[in-house]
Amino acid sequence: MLKFNLEPKPGDTPAPPQQPESVTDPEAEEETEGAFNPTTGEINWDCPCLGGMAHGPCGPQFREAFSCFVFSEEEPKGINCVEKFKAMQDCFREHPEIYAEGVYFFHSLSRRVMRLAC
């Protein structure tokens, strides 16, 4: 059986911890960012994380509801956006062929917001 002595020898200095390499690939940076940039206060409507829901027939309703939620200062967060989420859900239901995935995701988010409102 092999044994390794991992104890430092007298006079050994430990190596400084290595810092993780910074991301230099713009595509990799883009993937790590969310739709909202708190530094600039801007929403990137083309962020892949939004699944294209900011565009298309329900884009205006989505952008209004999402913006309301992001910038909401009400407690619980987004409570003042219930009507906007309802309008967005209604539009999603009218276009299920386009927003099928969005309907499920935002339905669950909207239900949480609406439950808090009642």
Protein backbone atom coordinates (compact mmCIF):
# COMPACT_ATOMS: atom_id res chain seq x y z
CA MET A 1 0.00 0.00 0.00
CA LEU A 2 1.36 3.42 -0.99
CA LYS A 3 1.41 6.20 1.55
CA PHE A 4 1.80 9.86 0.77
CA ASN A 5 2.96 12.44 3.24
CA LEU A 6 0.95 15.56 2.52
CA GLU A 7 2.29 17.52 5.48
CA PRO A 8 4.37 20.57 4.46
CA LYS A 9 8.08 20.36 5.09
CA PRO A 10 9.64 22.99 7.37
CA GLY A 11 10.42 26.07 5.29
CA ASP A 12 7.82 25.26 2.61
CA THR A 13 5.53 28.17 1.76
CA PRO A 14 2.09 27.39 0.48
CA ALA A 15 1.29 28.49 -3.04
CA PRO A 16 -1.17 31.39 -3.22
CA PRO A 17 -4.68 30.34 -4.20
CA GLN A 18 -5.28 30.65 -7.90
CA GLN A 19 -7.95 33.00 -9.11
CA PRO A 20 -10.44 31.62 -11.62
CA GLU A 21 -9.78 32.72 -15.15
CA SER A 22 -11.99 35.55 -16.31
CA VAL A 23 -14.40 34.96 -19.13
CA THR A 24 -13.13 36.55 -22.31
CA ASP A 25 -15.39 34.88 -24.83
CA PRO A 26 -18.27 37.33 -25.59
CA GLU A 27 -20.66 34.45 -26.32
CA ALA A 28 -19.84 32.84 -22.97
CA GLU A 29 -20.37 36.19 -21.23
CA GLU A 30 -23.73 36.58 -22.94
CA GLU A 31 -24.83 33.15 -21.72
CA THR A 32 -24.03 33.99 -18.09
CA GLU A 33 -26.01 37.23 -18.10
CA GLY A 34 -29.71 37.34 -17.42
CA ALA A 35 -32.29 39.41 -19.21
CA PHE A 36 -32.00 42.25 -16.69
CA ASN A 37 -28.76 44.13 -16.14
CA PRO A 38 -28.97 45.83 -12.73
CA THR A 39 -25.91 47.95 -13.50
CA THR A 40 -27.50 49.63 -16.51
CA GLY A 41 -31.12 49.09 -15.53
CA GLU A 42 -31.83 47.71 -19.00
CA ILE A 43 -33.69 44.60 -20.07
CA ASN A 44 -32.21 42.61 -22.93
CA TRP A 45 -35.33 41.52 -24.79
CA ASP A 46 -33.19 39.33 -27.08
CA CYS A 47 -31.76 37.29 -24.19
CA PRO A 48 -32.09 33.56 -24.97
CA CYS A 49 -33.31 33.11 -21.40
CA LEU A 50 -36.62 34.74 -22.39
CA GLY A 51 -37.24 32.11 -25.04
CA GLY A 52 -38.30 34.64 -27.68
CA MET A 53 -41.45 35.55 -25.75
CA ALA A 54 -40.67 39.27 -25.96
CA HIS A 55 -41.39 39.11 -29.68
CA GLY A 56 -44.38 37.96 -31.67
CA PRO A 57 -48.07 38.62 -31.20
CA CYS A 58 -47.87 38.73 -27.38
CA GLY A 59 -44.54 40.55 -27.21
CA PRO A 60 -46.05 43.84 -25.98
CA GLN A 61 -47.99 42.12 -23.18
CA PHE A 62 -44.96 40.05 -22.19
CA ARG A 63 -42.66 43.08 -22.12
CA GLU A 64 -45.13 45.07 -20.06
CA ALA A 65 -45.63 42.28 -17.49
CA PHE A 66 -41.94 41.37 -17.31
CA SER A 67 -40.87 45.02 -16.98
CA CYS A 68 -43.45 45.60 -14.29
CA PHE A 69 -42.16 42.61 -12.32
CA VAL A 70 -38.47 43.46 -12.75
CA PHE A 71 -38.92 47.07 -11.63
CA SER A 72 -41.56 46.37 -8.98
CA GLU A 73 -40.73 47.75 -5.56
CA GLU A 74 -43.94 46.45 -4.01
CA GLU A 75 -43.92 43.71 -1.41
CA PRO A 76 -44.37 40.98 -2.28
CA LYS A 77 -42.47 41.70 -5.45
CA GLY A 78 -44.72 42.01 -8.48
CA ILE A 79 -47.98 42.33 -6.59
CA ASN A 80 -48.74 45.49 -8.59
CA CYS A 81 -48.34 43.56 -11.87
CA VAL A 82 -51.22 41.10 -11.56
CA GLU A 83 -53.39 42.70 -14.26
CA LYS A 84 -50.45 42.82 -16.67
CA PHE A 85 -49.73 39.13 -16.09
CA LYS A 86 -53.40 38.30 -16.66
CA ALA A 87 -53.34 40.18 -19.99
CA MET A 88 -50.17 38.33 -20.98
CA GLN A 89 -51.67 34.95 -20.05
CA ASP A 90 -54.80 35.72 -22.06
CA CYS A 91 -52.69 36.53 -25.10
CA PHE A 92 -50.59 33.37 -24.63
CA ARG A 93 -53.78 31.31 -24.54
CA GLU A 94 -54.89 32.89 -27.81
CA HIS A 95 -51.60 31.82 -29.46
CA PRO A 96 -50.66 28.41 -27.97
CA GLU A 97 -48.89 27.34 -31.16
CA ILE A 98 -46.30 30.06 -30.53
CA TYR A 99 -46.17 30.36 -26.74
CA ALA A 100 -46.77 26.79 -25.51
CA GLU A 101 -43.65 26.71 -23.31
CA GLY A 102 -44.13 30.28 -22.15
CA VAL A 103 -47.68 29.55 -21.09
CA TYR A 104 -46.50 26.90 -18.64
CA PHE A 105 -43.59 28.92 -17.23
CA PHE A 106 -45.42 32.19 -16.85
CA HIS A 107 -48.61 30.51 -15.73
CA SER A 108 -46.77 29.17 -12.68
CA LEU A 109 -45.10 32.55 -12.05
CA SER A 110 -48.39 34.40 -12.50
CA ARG A 111 -50.20 32.01 -10.17
CA ARG A 112 -47.66 32.74 -7.44
CA VAL A 113 -48.03 36.49 -7.93
CA MET A 114 -51.86 36.30 -8.03
CA ARG A 115 -52.03 34.07 -4.95
CA LEU A 116 -50.18 36.76 -3.05
CA ALA A 117 -52.64 39.38 -4.28
CA CYS A 118 -55.71 37.55 -2.95
